[in-house]
Amino acid sequence: RAIVEGDFKTTDGSPIADAKMVLKSVRGSMECETDKDGKFKFEKLQAGFYELYYVDAEGTMVKTSFAQNIKEGYTVKVNVFAEVVTKGFTPLMVGTIAGSVAGVSAAVTAFALKLRKKKRLVKKTESE
């Protein structure tokens, strides 16, 4: 079986507690809530393609950037960030700002690091 686990935070890094997270696949969906530290975990997953959503303060399901084919036996770590704005006195989460996946395999992590370095070099060259 596979695991999808991670952190749900605001763009300033504060954990978002008690948020409903939804993991969907062709076989259906499952839900969990984040703990006080913004952590969530889906366990005993069958291999397959999954998409991750969260439910905002208005009850709208918001798709994150996580959409991945997960292999049997893998643990996938996901970081989800949402911007929080205030409407009156009610904080609302609006949109996924970023999502990242780590810990899938050494090859994927190494590729991501190379890609990140390449992007930094391109940005540095453009700004010179």
C-alpha atoms as a PDB file:
ATOM      1  CA  ARG A   1       0.000   0.000   0.000  1.00  0.00           C
ATOM      2  CA  ALA A   2       0.993   3.651  -0.492  1.00  0.00           C
ATOM      3  CA  ILE A   3       0.807   6.758   1.688  1.00  0.00           C
ATOM      4  CA  VAL A   4       0.206  10.433   0.880  1.00  0.00           C
ATOM      5  CA  GLU A   5       1.091  12.748   3.752  1.00  0.00           C
ATOM      6  CA  GLY A   6       2.008  16.364   4.132  1.00  0.00           C
ATOM      7  CA  ASP A   7       1.555  19.830   5.519  1.00  0.00           C
ATOM      8  CA  PHE A   8      -1.099  22.431   4.782  1.00  0.00           C
ATOM      9  CA  LYS A   9       0.096  25.966   5.526  1.00  0.00           C
ATOM     10  CA  THR A  10      -0.560  29.588   4.711  1.00  0.00           C
ATOM     11  CA  THR A  11       1.870  31.349   2.386  1.00  0.00           C
ATOM     12  CA  ASP A  12       3.598  32.828   5.467  1.00  0.00           C
ATOM     13  CA  GLY A  13       4.225  29.298   6.816  1.00  0.00           C
ATOM     14  CA  SER A  14       1.534  29.140   9.517  1.00  0.00           C
ATOM     15  CA  PRO A  15      -0.155  25.715   9.807  1.00  0.00           C
ATOM     16  CA  ILE A  16      -3.819  25.467   8.821  1.00  0.00           C
ATOM     17  CA  ALA A  17      -5.519  23.279  11.437  1.00  0.00           C
ATOM     18  CA  ASP A  18      -8.839  21.425  11.106  1.00  0.00           C
ATOM     19  CA  ALA A  19      -8.955  21.804   7.319  1.00  0.00           C
ATOM     20  CA  LYS A  20     -10.684  19.111   5.289  1.00  0.00           C
ATOM     21  CA  MET A  21      -8.358  17.454   2.766  1.00  0.00           C
ATOM     22  CA  VAL A  22      -9.806  15.270   0.003  1.00  0.00           C
ATOM     23  CA  LEU A  23      -7.852  12.728  -2.031  1.00  0.00           C
ATOM     24  CA  LYS A  24      -9.595  11.593  -5.239  1.00  0.00           C
ATOM     25  CA  SER A  25      -8.950   8.676  -7.555  1.00  0.00           C
ATOM     26  CA  VAL A  26     -10.987   6.762 -10.133  1.00  0.00           C
ATOM     27  CA  ARG A  27     -12.032   4.433  -7.301  1.00  0.00           C
ATOM     28  CA  GLY A  28     -13.592   7.295  -5.299  1.00  0.00           C
ATOM     29  CA  SER A  29     -12.464   9.807  -2.726  1.00  0.00           C
ATOM     30  CA  MET A  30     -11.398   9.846   0.907  1.00  0.00           C
ATOM     31  CA  GLU A  31     -11.212  12.667   3.414  1.00  0.00           C
ATOM     32  CA  CYS A  32      -9.182  13.593   6.473  1.00  0.00           C
ATOM     33  CA  GLU A  33      -8.663  16.696   8.575  1.00  0.00           C
ATOM     34  CA  THR A  34      -5.393  18.443   9.288  1.00  0.00           C
ATOM     35  CA  ASP A  35      -4.141  18.346  12.869  1.00  0.00           C
ATOM     36  CA  LYS A  36      -3.134  21.394  14.945  1.00  0.00           C
ATOM     37  CA  ASP A  37       0.191  21.512  13.050  1.00  0.00           C
ATOM     38  CA  GLY A  38      -1.500  21.417   9.619  1.00  0.00           C
ATOM     39  CA  LYS A  39      -0.400  17.815   8.986  1.00  0.00           C
ATOM     40  CA  PHE A  40      -2.526  15.294   7.117  1.00  0.00           C
ATOM     41  CA  LYS A  41      -2.117  11.648   6.104  1.00  0.00           C
ATOM     42  CA  PHE A  42      -3.873   9.223   3.771  1.00  0.00           C
ATOM     43  CA  GLU A  43      -2.805   5.611   4.334  1.00  0.00           C
ATOM     44  CA  LYS A  44      -3.375   2.188   2.795  1.00  0.00           C
ATOM     45  CA  LEU A  45      -3.768   3.569  -0.731  1.00  0.00           C
ATOM     46  CA  GLN A  46      -3.837   1.317  -3.753  1.00  0.00           C
ATOM     47  CA  ALA A  47      -1.483   2.144  -6.589  1.00  0.00           C
ATOM     48  CA  GLY A  48      -3.042   4.620  -9.003  1.00  0.00           C
ATOM     49  CA  PHE A  49      -3.556   8.240 -10.009  1.00  0.00           C
ATOM     50  CA  TYR A  50      -4.572  10.657  -7.243  1.00  0.00           C
ATOM     51  CA  GLU A  51      -5.510  14.347  -7.015  1.00  0.00           C
ATOM     52  CA  LEU A  52      -5.502  16.341  -3.780  1.00  0.00           C
ATOM     53  CA  TYR A  53      -8.073  18.993  -2.830  1.00  0.00           C
ATOM     54  CA  TYR A  54      -8.879  21.040   0.246  1.00  0.00           C
ATOM     55  CA  VAL A  55     -12.194  22.559   1.292  1.00  0.00           C
ATOM     56  CA  ASP A  56     -12.015  26.318   1.868  1.00  0.00           C
ATOM     57  CA  ALA A  57     -13.880  28.314   4.540  1.00  0.00           C
ATOM     58  CA  GLU A  58     -16.880  28.756   2.224  1.00  0.00           C
ATOM     59  CA  GLY A  59     -17.176  24.998   1.631  1.00  0.00           C
ATOM     60  CA  THR A  60     -15.739  25.057  -1.901  1.00  0.00           C
ATOM     61  CA  MET A  61     -13.455  22.196  -2.896  1.00  0.00           C
ATOM     62  CA  VAL A  62     -10.184  23.672  -4.216  1.00  0.00           C
ATOM     63  CA  LYS A  63      -7.848  21.587  -6.365  1.00  0.00           C
ATOM     64  CA  THR A  64      -4.176  21.701  -5.387  1.00  0.00           C
ATOM     65  CA  SER A  65      -1.307  21.253  -7.810  1.00  0.00           C
ATOM     66  CA  PHE A  66      -0.856  17.660  -6.580  1.00  0.00           C
ATOM     67  CA  ALA A  67      -1.905  15.171  -9.263  1.00  0.00           C
ATOM     68  CA  GLN A  68       0.267  12.081  -9.386  1.00  0.00           C
ATOM     69  CA  ASN A  69       0.404   8.419 -10.231  1.00  0.00           C
ATOM     70  CA  ILE A  70       1.475   6.666  -7.029  1.00  0.00           C
ATOM     71  CA  LYS A  71       3.156   3.275  -7.004  1.00  0.00           C
ATOM     72  CA  GLU A  72       2.581   0.515  -4.481  1.00  0.00           C
ATOM     73  CA  GLY A  73       4.743   0.878  -1.372  1.00  0.00           C
ATOM     74  CA  TYR A  74       5.632   4.549  -1.910  1.00  0.00           C
ATOM     75  CA  THR A  75       5.240   7.359   0.618  1.00  0.00           C
ATOM     76  CA  VAL A  76       4.624  10.706  -1.038  1.00  0.00           C
ATOM     77  CA  LYS A  77       5.167  13.878   0.979  1.00  0.00           C
ATOM     78  CA  VAL A  78       3.185  16.930  -0.138  1.00  0.00           C
ATOM     79  CA  ASN A  79       3.426  20.574   0.914  1.00  0.00           C
ATOM     80  CA  VAL A  80       0.297  22.587   0.142  1.00  0.00           C
ATOM     81  CA  PHE A  81       0.133  26.356   0.593  1.00  0.00           C
ATOM     82  CA  ALA A  82      -2.956  28.564   0.541  1.00  0.00           C
ATOM     83  CA  GLU A  83      -3.300  32.307   0.754  1.00  0.00           C
ATOM     84  CA  VAL A  84      -5.579  33.416   3.572  1.00  0.00           C
ATOM     85  CA  VAL A  85      -7.541  36.651   3.209  1.00  0.00           C
ATOM     86  CA  THR A  86     -10.068  38.191   5.548  1.00  0.00           C
ATOM     87  CA  LYS A  87     -13.635  38.959   4.472  1.00  0.00           C
ATOM     88  CA  GLY A  88     -15.195  40.823   7.358  1.00  0.00           C
ATOM     89  CA  PHE A  89     -13.946  38.845  10.333  1.00  0.00           C
ATOM     90  CA  THR A  90     -13.869  35.483   8.558  1.00  0.00           C
ATOM     91  CA  PRO A  91     -10.525  34.199   7.266  1.00  0.00           C
ATOM     92  CA  LEU A  92     -10.904  32.602   3.838  1.00  0.00           C
ATOM     93  CA  MET A  93      -8.416  30.408   2.002  1.00  0.00           C
ATOM     94  CA  VAL A  94      -8.159  31.419  -1.618  1.00  0.00           C
ATOM     95  CA  GLY A  95      -6.342  29.354  -4.175  1.00  0.00           C
ATOM     96  CA  THR A  96      -3.397  27.050  -3.971  1.00  0.00           C
ATOM     97  CA  ILE A  97      -0.221  29.021  -4.304  1.00  0.00           C
ATOM     98  CA  ALA A  98       2.145  26.070  -4.540  1.00  0.00           C
ATOM     99  CA  GLY A  99       2.383  22.360  -4.048  1.00  0.00           C
ATOM    100  CA  SER A 100       5.426  20.161  -4.034  1.00  0.00           C
ATOM    101  CA  VAL A 101       6.185  16.492  -3.801  1.00  0.00           C
ATOM    102  CA  ALA A 102       9.224  15.083  -2.046  1.00  0.00           C
ATOM    103  CA  GLY A 103      10.411  11.682  -0.945  1.00  0.00           C
ATOM    104  CA  VAL A 104       9.099   9.715  -3.910  1.00  0.00           C
ATOM    105  CA  SER A 105      12.488   8.374  -4.874  1.00  0.00           C
ATOM    106  CA  ALA A 106      16.108   9.459  -4.938  1.00  0.00           C
ATOM    107  CA  ALA A 107      15.999   9.776  -8.740  1.00  0.00           C
ATOM    108  CA  VAL A 108      12.997  12.109  -8.684  1.00  0.00           C
ATOM    109  CA  THR A 109      14.511  14.222  -5.889  1.00  0.00           C
ATOM    110  CA  ALA A 110      17.829  14.496  -7.735  1.00  0.00           C
ATOM    111  CA  PHE A 111      16.009  15.518 -10.924  1.00  0.00           C
ATOM    112  CA  ALA A 112      14.018  18.175  -9.039  1.00  0.00           C
ATOM    113  CA  LEU A 113      17.207  19.608  -7.519  1.00  0.00           C
ATOM    114  CA  LYS A 114      18.870  19.770 -10.949  1.00  0.00           C
ATOM    115  CA  LEU A 115      15.781  21.481 -12.371  1.00  0.00           C
ATOM    116  CA  ARG A 116      15.732  24.005  -9.500  1.00  0.00           C
ATOM    117  CA  LYS A 117      19.422  24.819 -10.014  1.00  0.00           C
ATOM    118  CA  LYS A 118      18.848  25.226 -13.742  1.00  0.00           C
ATOM    119  CA  LYS A 119      15.945  27.646 -13.106  1.00  0.00           C
ATOM    120  CA  ARG A 120      18.119  29.702 -10.718  1.00  0.00           C
ATOM    121  CA  LEU A 121      20.859  29.929 -13.341  1.00  0.00           C
ATOM    122  CA  VAL A 122      18.358  31.052 -15.984  1.00  0.00           C
ATOM    123  CA  LYS A 123      16.898  33.719 -13.666  1.00  0.00           C
ATOM    124  CA  LYS A 124      20.358  34.952 -12.705  1.00  0.00           C
ATOM    125  CA  THR A 125      21.392  35.192 -16.371  1.00  0.00           C
ATOM    126  CA  GLU A 126      18.181  37.075 -17.261  1.00  0.00           C
ATOM    127  CA  SER A 127      18.699  39.615 -14.484  1.00  0.00           C
ATOM    128  CA  GLU A 128      22.336  40.373 -15.365  1.00  0.00           C
END
